[in-house]
C-alpha atoms as a PDB file:
ATOM      1  CA  MET A   1      -0.005  -0.007   0.013  1.00  0.00           C
ATOM      2  CA  THR A   2       1.144   3.505  -0.744  1.00  0.00           C
ATOM      3  CA  ARG A   3       0.137   6.543   1.341  1.00  0.00           C
ATOM      4  CA  ILE A   4      -0.947   9.374  -0.651  1.00  0.00           C
ATOM      5  CA  TYR A   5      -1.995  13.009   0.190  1.00  0.00           C
ATOM      6  CA  LYS A   6      -4.424  15.747  -0.893  1.00  0.00           C
ATOM      7  CA  ILE A   7      -3.824  19.291  -0.160  1.00  0.00           C
ATOM      8  CA  VAL A   8      -7.124  21.237  -0.014  1.00  0.00           C
ATOM      9  CA  PRO A   9      -8.748  24.443   1.352  1.00  0.00           C
ATOM     10  CA  GLU A  10     -10.077  23.523   4.797  1.00  0.00           C
ATOM     11  CA  VAL A  11     -13.450  25.089   3.883  1.00  0.00           C
ATOM     12  CA  LEU A  12     -13.859  22.802   0.863  1.00  0.00           C
ATOM     13  CA  TRP A  13     -12.808  19.790   2.935  1.00  0.00           C
ATOM     14  CA  ARG A  14     -15.175  20.433   5.843  1.00  0.00           C
ATOM     15  CA  THR A  15     -18.097  20.906   3.444  1.00  0.00           C
ATOM     16  CA  ALA A  16     -17.148  17.625   1.773  1.00  0.00           C
ATOM     17  CA  GLU A  17     -17.013  15.882   5.143  1.00  0.00           C
ATOM     18  CA  ALA A  18     -20.498  17.069   5.847  1.00  0.00           C
ATOM     19  CA  GLN A  19     -21.683  15.504   2.464  1.00  0.00           C
ATOM     20  CA  GLY A  20     -19.663  12.401   3.117  1.00  0.00           C
ATOM     21  CA  ARG A  21     -17.752  12.747  -0.361  1.00  0.00           C
ATOM     22  CA  PHE A  22     -15.190  15.134  -2.030  1.00  0.00           C
ATOM     23  CA  GLU A  23     -16.080  15.872  -5.540  1.00  0.00           C
ATOM     24  CA  GLY A  24     -12.853  17.843  -6.070  1.00  0.00           C
ATOM     25  CA  SER A  25     -11.475  21.450  -5.833  1.00  0.00           C
ATOM     26  CA  PRO A  26     -12.033  23.700  -8.849  1.00  0.00           C
ATOM     27  CA  VAL A  27      -8.757  22.490 -10.437  1.00  0.00           C
ATOM     28  CA  ASP A  28      -9.720  18.929  -9.924  1.00  0.00           C
ATOM     29  CA  LEU A  29     -13.132  19.525 -11.537  1.00  0.00           C
ATOM     30  CA  ALA A  30     -11.454  21.195 -14.474  1.00  0.00           C
ATOM     31  CA  ASP A  31      -9.037  18.447 -14.993  1.00  0.00           C
ATOM     32  CA  GLY A  32     -11.591  15.664 -14.589  1.00  0.00           C
ATOM     33  CA  PHE A  33      -9.877  13.916 -11.634  1.00  0.00           C
ATOM     34  CA  ILE A  34      -8.628  14.560  -8.172  1.00  0.00           C
ATOM     35  CA  HIS A  35      -5.054  15.350  -7.766  1.00  0.00           C
ATOM     36  CA  PHE A  36      -3.016  13.616  -5.090  1.00  0.00           C
ATOM     37  CA  SER A  37       0.675  13.492  -4.218  1.00  0.00           C
ATOM     38  CA  THR A  38       3.025  11.041  -2.635  1.00  0.00           C
ATOM     39  CA  ALA A  39       5.028  12.076   0.325  1.00  0.00           C
ATOM     40  CA  ALA A  40       7.946  12.847  -1.887  1.00  0.00           C
ATOM     41  CA  GLN A  41       5.763  14.966  -4.095  1.00  0.00           C
ATOM     42  CA  ALA A  42       3.662  16.940  -1.559  1.00  0.00           C
ATOM     43  CA  GLY A  43       6.260  19.608  -0.753  1.00  0.00           C
ATOM     44  CA  GLU A  44       6.663  20.648  -4.474  1.00  0.00           C
ATOM     45  CA  THR A  45       2.939  20.399  -4.950  1.00  0.00           C
ATOM     46  CA  ALA A  46       2.441  22.836  -2.011  1.00  0.00           C
ATOM     47  CA  ARG A  47       5.154  25.201  -3.260  1.00  0.00           C
ATOM     48  CA  ARG A  48       3.857  25.328  -6.887  1.00  0.00           C
ATOM     49  CA  HIS A  49       0.146  25.213  -6.601  1.00  0.00           C
ATOM     50  CA  PHE A  50      -0.718  26.638  -3.019  1.00  0.00           C
ATOM     51  CA  HIS A  51       2.269  29.207  -2.456  1.00  0.00           C
ATOM     52  CA  GLY A  52       1.230  31.831   0.092  1.00  0.00           C
ATOM     53  CA  GLN A  53      -2.188  30.154   0.804  1.00  0.00           C
ATOM     54  CA  ASP A  54      -3.346  29.767   4.219  1.00  0.00           C
ATOM     55  CA  GLY A  55      -6.386  27.784   5.532  1.00  0.00           C
ATOM     56  CA  LEU A  56      -5.313  24.438   3.963  1.00  0.00           C
ATOM     57  CA  VAL A  57      -5.427  20.972   5.302  1.00  0.00           C
ATOM     58  CA  LEU A  58      -3.325  17.912   4.361  1.00  0.00           C
ATOM     59  CA  ALA A  59      -5.477  14.695   4.095  1.00  0.00           C
ATOM     60  CA  ALA A  60      -3.736  11.276   4.126  1.00  0.00           C
ATOM     61  CA  PHE A  61      -5.082   8.211   2.438  1.00  0.00           C
ATOM     62  CA  GLU A  62      -4.061   4.663   1.594  1.00  0.00           C
ATOM     63  CA  SER A  63      -4.036   4.372  -2.252  1.00  0.00           C
ATOM     64  CA  GLN A  64      -5.796   1.056  -2.328  1.00  0.00           C
ATOM     65  CA  GLY A  65      -9.540   0.955  -2.178  1.00  0.00           C
ATOM     66  CA  LEU A  66     -10.179   4.499  -3.258  1.00  0.00           C
ATOM     67  CA  GLY A  67     -11.712   3.571  -6.530  1.00  0.00           C
ATOM     68  CA  ASP A  68     -10.458   4.447 -10.034  1.00  0.00           C
ATOM     69  CA  LEU A  69      -7.000   5.659  -9.029  1.00  0.00           C
ATOM     70  CA  ARG A  70      -4.534   5.881 -11.747  1.00  0.00           C
ATOM     71  CA  TRP A  71      -0.856   6.705 -11.600  1.00  0.00           C
ATOM     72  CA  GLU A  72      -0.129   9.027 -14.499  1.00  0.00           C
ATOM     73  CA  PRO A  73       2.905  11.091 -15.534  1.00  0.00           C
ATOM     74  CA  SER A  74       2.961  14.747 -14.775  1.00  0.00           C
ATOM     75  CA  ARG A  75       5.663  17.212 -13.403  1.00  0.00           C
ATOM     76  CA  GLY A  76       8.969  16.067 -14.641  1.00  0.00           C
ATOM     77  CA  GLY A  77       7.595  12.682 -15.772  1.00  0.00           C
ATOM     78  CA  ASP A  78       6.880  11.583 -12.142  1.00  0.00           C
ATOM     79  CA  LEU A  79       3.798   9.404 -11.800  1.00  0.00           C
ATOM     80  CA  PHE A  80       1.153  11.131  -9.730  1.00  0.00           C
ATOM     81  CA  PRO A  81      -2.007   9.471  -8.251  1.00  0.00           C
ATOM     82  CA  HIS A  82      -5.138  10.664  -9.868  1.00  0.00           C
ATOM     83  CA  LEU A  83      -8.706   9.606  -8.670  1.00  0.00           C
ATOM     84  CA  TYR A  84     -11.336   9.484 -11.281  1.00  0.00           C
ATOM     85  CA  GLY A  85     -14.606   9.870  -9.407  1.00  0.00           C
ATOM     86  CA  PRO A  86     -15.576  11.060  -5.921  1.00  0.00           C
ATOM     87  CA  LEU A  87     -13.552  10.611  -2.807  1.00  0.00           C
ATOM     88  CA  ASP A  88     -15.204   9.135   0.248  1.00  0.00           C
ATOM     89  CA  THR A  89     -14.059  11.528   3.079  1.00  0.00           C
ATOM     90  CA  ALA A  90     -14.389   8.690   5.589  1.00  0.00           C
ATOM     91  CA  ALA A  91     -11.376   7.106   3.827  1.00  0.00           C
ATOM     92  CA  ALA A  92      -9.065   9.694   5.174  1.00  0.00           C
ATOM     93  CA  LEU A  93      -6.557   8.268   7.727  1.00  0.00           C
ATOM     94  CA  TRP A  94      -6.227  11.827   9.160  1.00  0.00           C
ATOM     95  CA  VAL A  95      -6.625  15.458   8.226  1.00  0.00           C
ATOM     96  CA  LYS A  96      -4.152  17.988   9.630  1.00  0.00           C
ATOM     97  CA  PRO A  97      -3.734  21.772   9.219  1.00  0.00           C
ATOM     98  CA  LEU A  98      -1.160  22.835   6.622  1.00  0.00           C
ATOM     99  CA  PRO A  99      -0.409  26.411   7.764  1.00  0.00           C
ATOM    100  CA  TRP A 100       1.650  29.016   5.748  1.00  0.00           C
ATOM    101  CA  ASN A 101       4.417  30.278   7.743  1.00  0.00           C
ATOM    102  CA  GLY A 102       5.331  33.264   5.732  1.00  0.00           C
ATOM    103  CA  SER A 103       7.703  31.529   3.414  1.00  0.00           C
ATOM    104  CA  SER A 104       6.455  27.980   2.994  1.00  0.00           C
ATOM    105  CA  HIS A 105       3.878  25.554   4.382  1.00  0.00           C
ATOM    106  CA  SER A 106       4.533  23.892   7.718  1.00  0.00           C
ATOM    107  CA  PHE A 107       3.857  20.160   7.237  1.00  0.00           C
ATOM    108  CA  PRO A 108       2.534  18.294  10.402  1.00  0.00           C
ATOM    109  CA  GLU A 109       5.350  16.601  12.400  1.00  0.00           C
ATOM    110  CA  GLY A 110       5.793  13.023  11.365  1.00  0.00           C
ATOM    111  CA  TRP A 111       3.218  13.354   8.538  1.00  0.00           C
ATOM    112  CA  ALA A 112       5.172  11.131   6.126  1.00  0.00           C
ATOM    113  CA  ALA A 113       5.777   8.249   8.581  1.00  0.00           C
END
């Protein structure tokens, strides 16, 4: 099993939790799949796509059992996990704040363990 991560504005995630499913952020909806990152990719994802944004959460998932998850080439040819379909919010192993500290995002202690 591979642990994968979703960075998302907290307000979107809390709304999804109340509904029991996450359909995706605006960029996910535009691309037709929900973007995830591995632990090795999450820092760069935060830097490139969420620079300066506060009010984010980092949600962790096991890749198996999420549905139609495909590993597809993206940035630099790396394979990124993309979920084609809604995400069951109850599948989250944990959801933790991902605050902006003025120069970068502060990932939770031990998050990639």
